Protein backbone atom coordinates (compact mmCIF):
# COMPACT_ATOMS: atom_id res chain seq x y z
CA UNK A 1 -20.76 -0.86 12.98
CA UNK A 2 -17.87 -1.41 10.47
CA UNK A 3 -17.02 -0.13 6.93
CA UNK A 4 -14.77 -0.95 4.03
CA UNK A 5 -12.88 2.03 2.56
CA UNK A 6 -10.39 2.42 -0.23
CA UNK A 7 -7.36 4.71 0.06
CA UNK A 8 -3.94 4.57 -1.50
CA UNK A 9 -5.02 1.62 -3.94
CA UNK A 10 -5.66 -0.62 -0.80
CA UNK A 11 -8.90 -1.64 0.98
CA UNK A 12 -9.31 -1.47 4.75
CA UNK A 13 -11.89 -2.80 7.11
CA UNK A 14 -12.49 0.05 9.88
CA UNK A 15 -14.58 0.66 12.80
CA UNK A 16 -14.79 3.54 15.14
CA UNK A 17 -11.71 4.05 17.22
CA UNK A 18 -9.48 1.95 15.11
CA UNK A 19 -5.86 3.17 14.29
CA UNK A 20 -4.53 2.31 10.96
CA UNK A 21 -1.41 3.24 8.83
CA UNK A 22 -2.38 4.38 5.32
CA UNK A 23 -0.34 5.51 2.34
CA UNK A 24 1.01 9.08 2.80
CA UNK A 25 -1.71 11.74 2.90
CA UNK A 26 -1.37 15.58 2.41
CA UNK A 27 -2.82 16.46 5.77
CA UNK A 28 -1.28 18.08 8.91
CA UNK A 29 -1.33 16.26 12.24
CA UNK A 30 -4.42 16.84 14.17
CA UNK A 31 -6.66 17.72 11.15
CA UNK A 32 -9.63 15.51 10.08
CA UNK A 33 -9.72 13.54 6.78
CA UNK A 34 -12.80 12.27 5.00
CA UNK A 35 -12.73 8.98 3.14
CA UNK A 36 -15.70 9.07 0.64
CA UNK A 37 -14.85 5.92 -1.09
CA UNK A 38 -16.78 3.65 0.96
CA UNK A 39 -17.42 0.18 -0.40
CA UNK A 40 -19.46 -1.55 2.26
CA UNK A 41 -21.28 -0.40 5.36
CA UNK A 42 -22.51 -2.97 7.99
CA UNK A 43 -24.50 -2.34 11.15
CA UNK A 44 -25.41 -5.67 12.71
CA UNK A 45 -27.83 -7.35 10.35
CA UNK A 46 -28.00 -4.36 8.10
CA UNK A 47 -25.35 -4.67 5.21
CA UNK A 48 -25.11 -2.13 2.53
CA UNK A 49 -22.83 -3.01 -0.45
CA UNK A 50 -21.93 -0.43 -3.04
CA UNK A 51 -21.95 -0.72 -6.75
CA UNK A 52 -19.02 0.28 -6.64
CA UNK A 53 -19.56 2.78 -3.82
CA UNK A 54 -22.12 3.32 -1.21
CA UNK A 55 -24.03 6.54 -1.97
CA UNK A 56 -23.94 9.07 0.91
CA UNK A 57 -21.54 7.04 3.06
CA UNK A 58 -18.48 8.75 4.53
CA UNK A 59 -15.88 7.78 7.04
CA UNK A 60 -14.04 10.47 9.05
CA UNK A 61 -10.83 10.30 10.90
CA UNK A 62 -8.13 12.39 12.60
CA UNK A 63 -4.54 12.38 11.40
CA UNK A 64 -2.23 11.27 14.38
CA UNK A 65 1.32 11.26 12.90
CA UNK A 66 3.30 10.73 9.72
CA UNK A 67 6.35 8.44 9.53
CA UNK A 68 8.23 5.75 7.68
CA UNK A 69 7.96 2.07 7.86
CA UNK A 70 10.48 -0.54 8.46
CA UNK A 71 13.40 -0.90 5.80
CA UNK A 72 12.98 -3.63 3.37
CA UNK A 73 15.91 -4.72 1.20
CA UNK A 74 15.68 -5.41 -2.35
CA UNK A 75 18.22 -7.71 -3.86
CA UNK A 76 18.61 -8.69 -7.32
CA UNK A 77 21.08 -11.37 -8.01
CA UNK A 78 22.20 -13.37 -11.08
CA UNK A 79 24.24 -16.46 -10.51
CA UNK A 80 27.53 -17.10 -12.14
CA UNK A 81 27.44 -13.71 -13.73
CA UNK A 82 29.13 -11.55 -11.21
CA UNK A 83 26.16 -9.42 -10.78
CA UNK A 84 24.27 -8.33 -7.53
CA UNK A 85 22.47 -5.22 -6.90
CA UNK A 86 21.19 -4.12 -3.38
CA UNK A 87 18.77 -1.32 -2.49
CA UNK A 88 16.80 -0.42 0.52
CA UNK A 89 13.30 1.18 0.74
CA UNK A 90 11.24 2.81 3.51
CA UNK A 91 7.58 3.68 2.76
CA UNK A 92 6.02 6.78 3.83
CA UNK A 93 2.77 6.36 5.91
CA UNK A 94 -0.03 8.41 7.75
CA UNK A 95 -1.53 7.00 11.06
CA UNK A 96 -5.15 7.97 11.02
CA UNK A 97 -7.63 7.30 13.72
CA UNK A 98 -11.30 6.67 12.71
CA UNK A 99 -13.60 8.87 14.51
CA UNK A 100 -17.12 8.25 12.89
CA UNK A 101 -18.76 6.34 10.20
CA UNK A 102 -21.84 7.81 8.47
CA UNK A 103 -24.09 5.60 6.44
């Protein structure tokens, strides 16, 4: 059984036991979070597609940790103009383990 959920402006395909990194959530470590924006639920041959969301479906997970991703470097460069700008960015994330999918 798997589901497609939306959180943080992104879509994720999840099943029970998966560990995924999503955009930072306001939840403490060890607490449970519910994702109610479920776009699709599939169980073998039974596939339920929402328009836009599946009614009554919910995915539950537990927060494992918070952290920051790898550093990316943003460079703006204009040739022959003596202009270069460097900037770094590290995105915050929340690591969530999916515990159950209710359809």
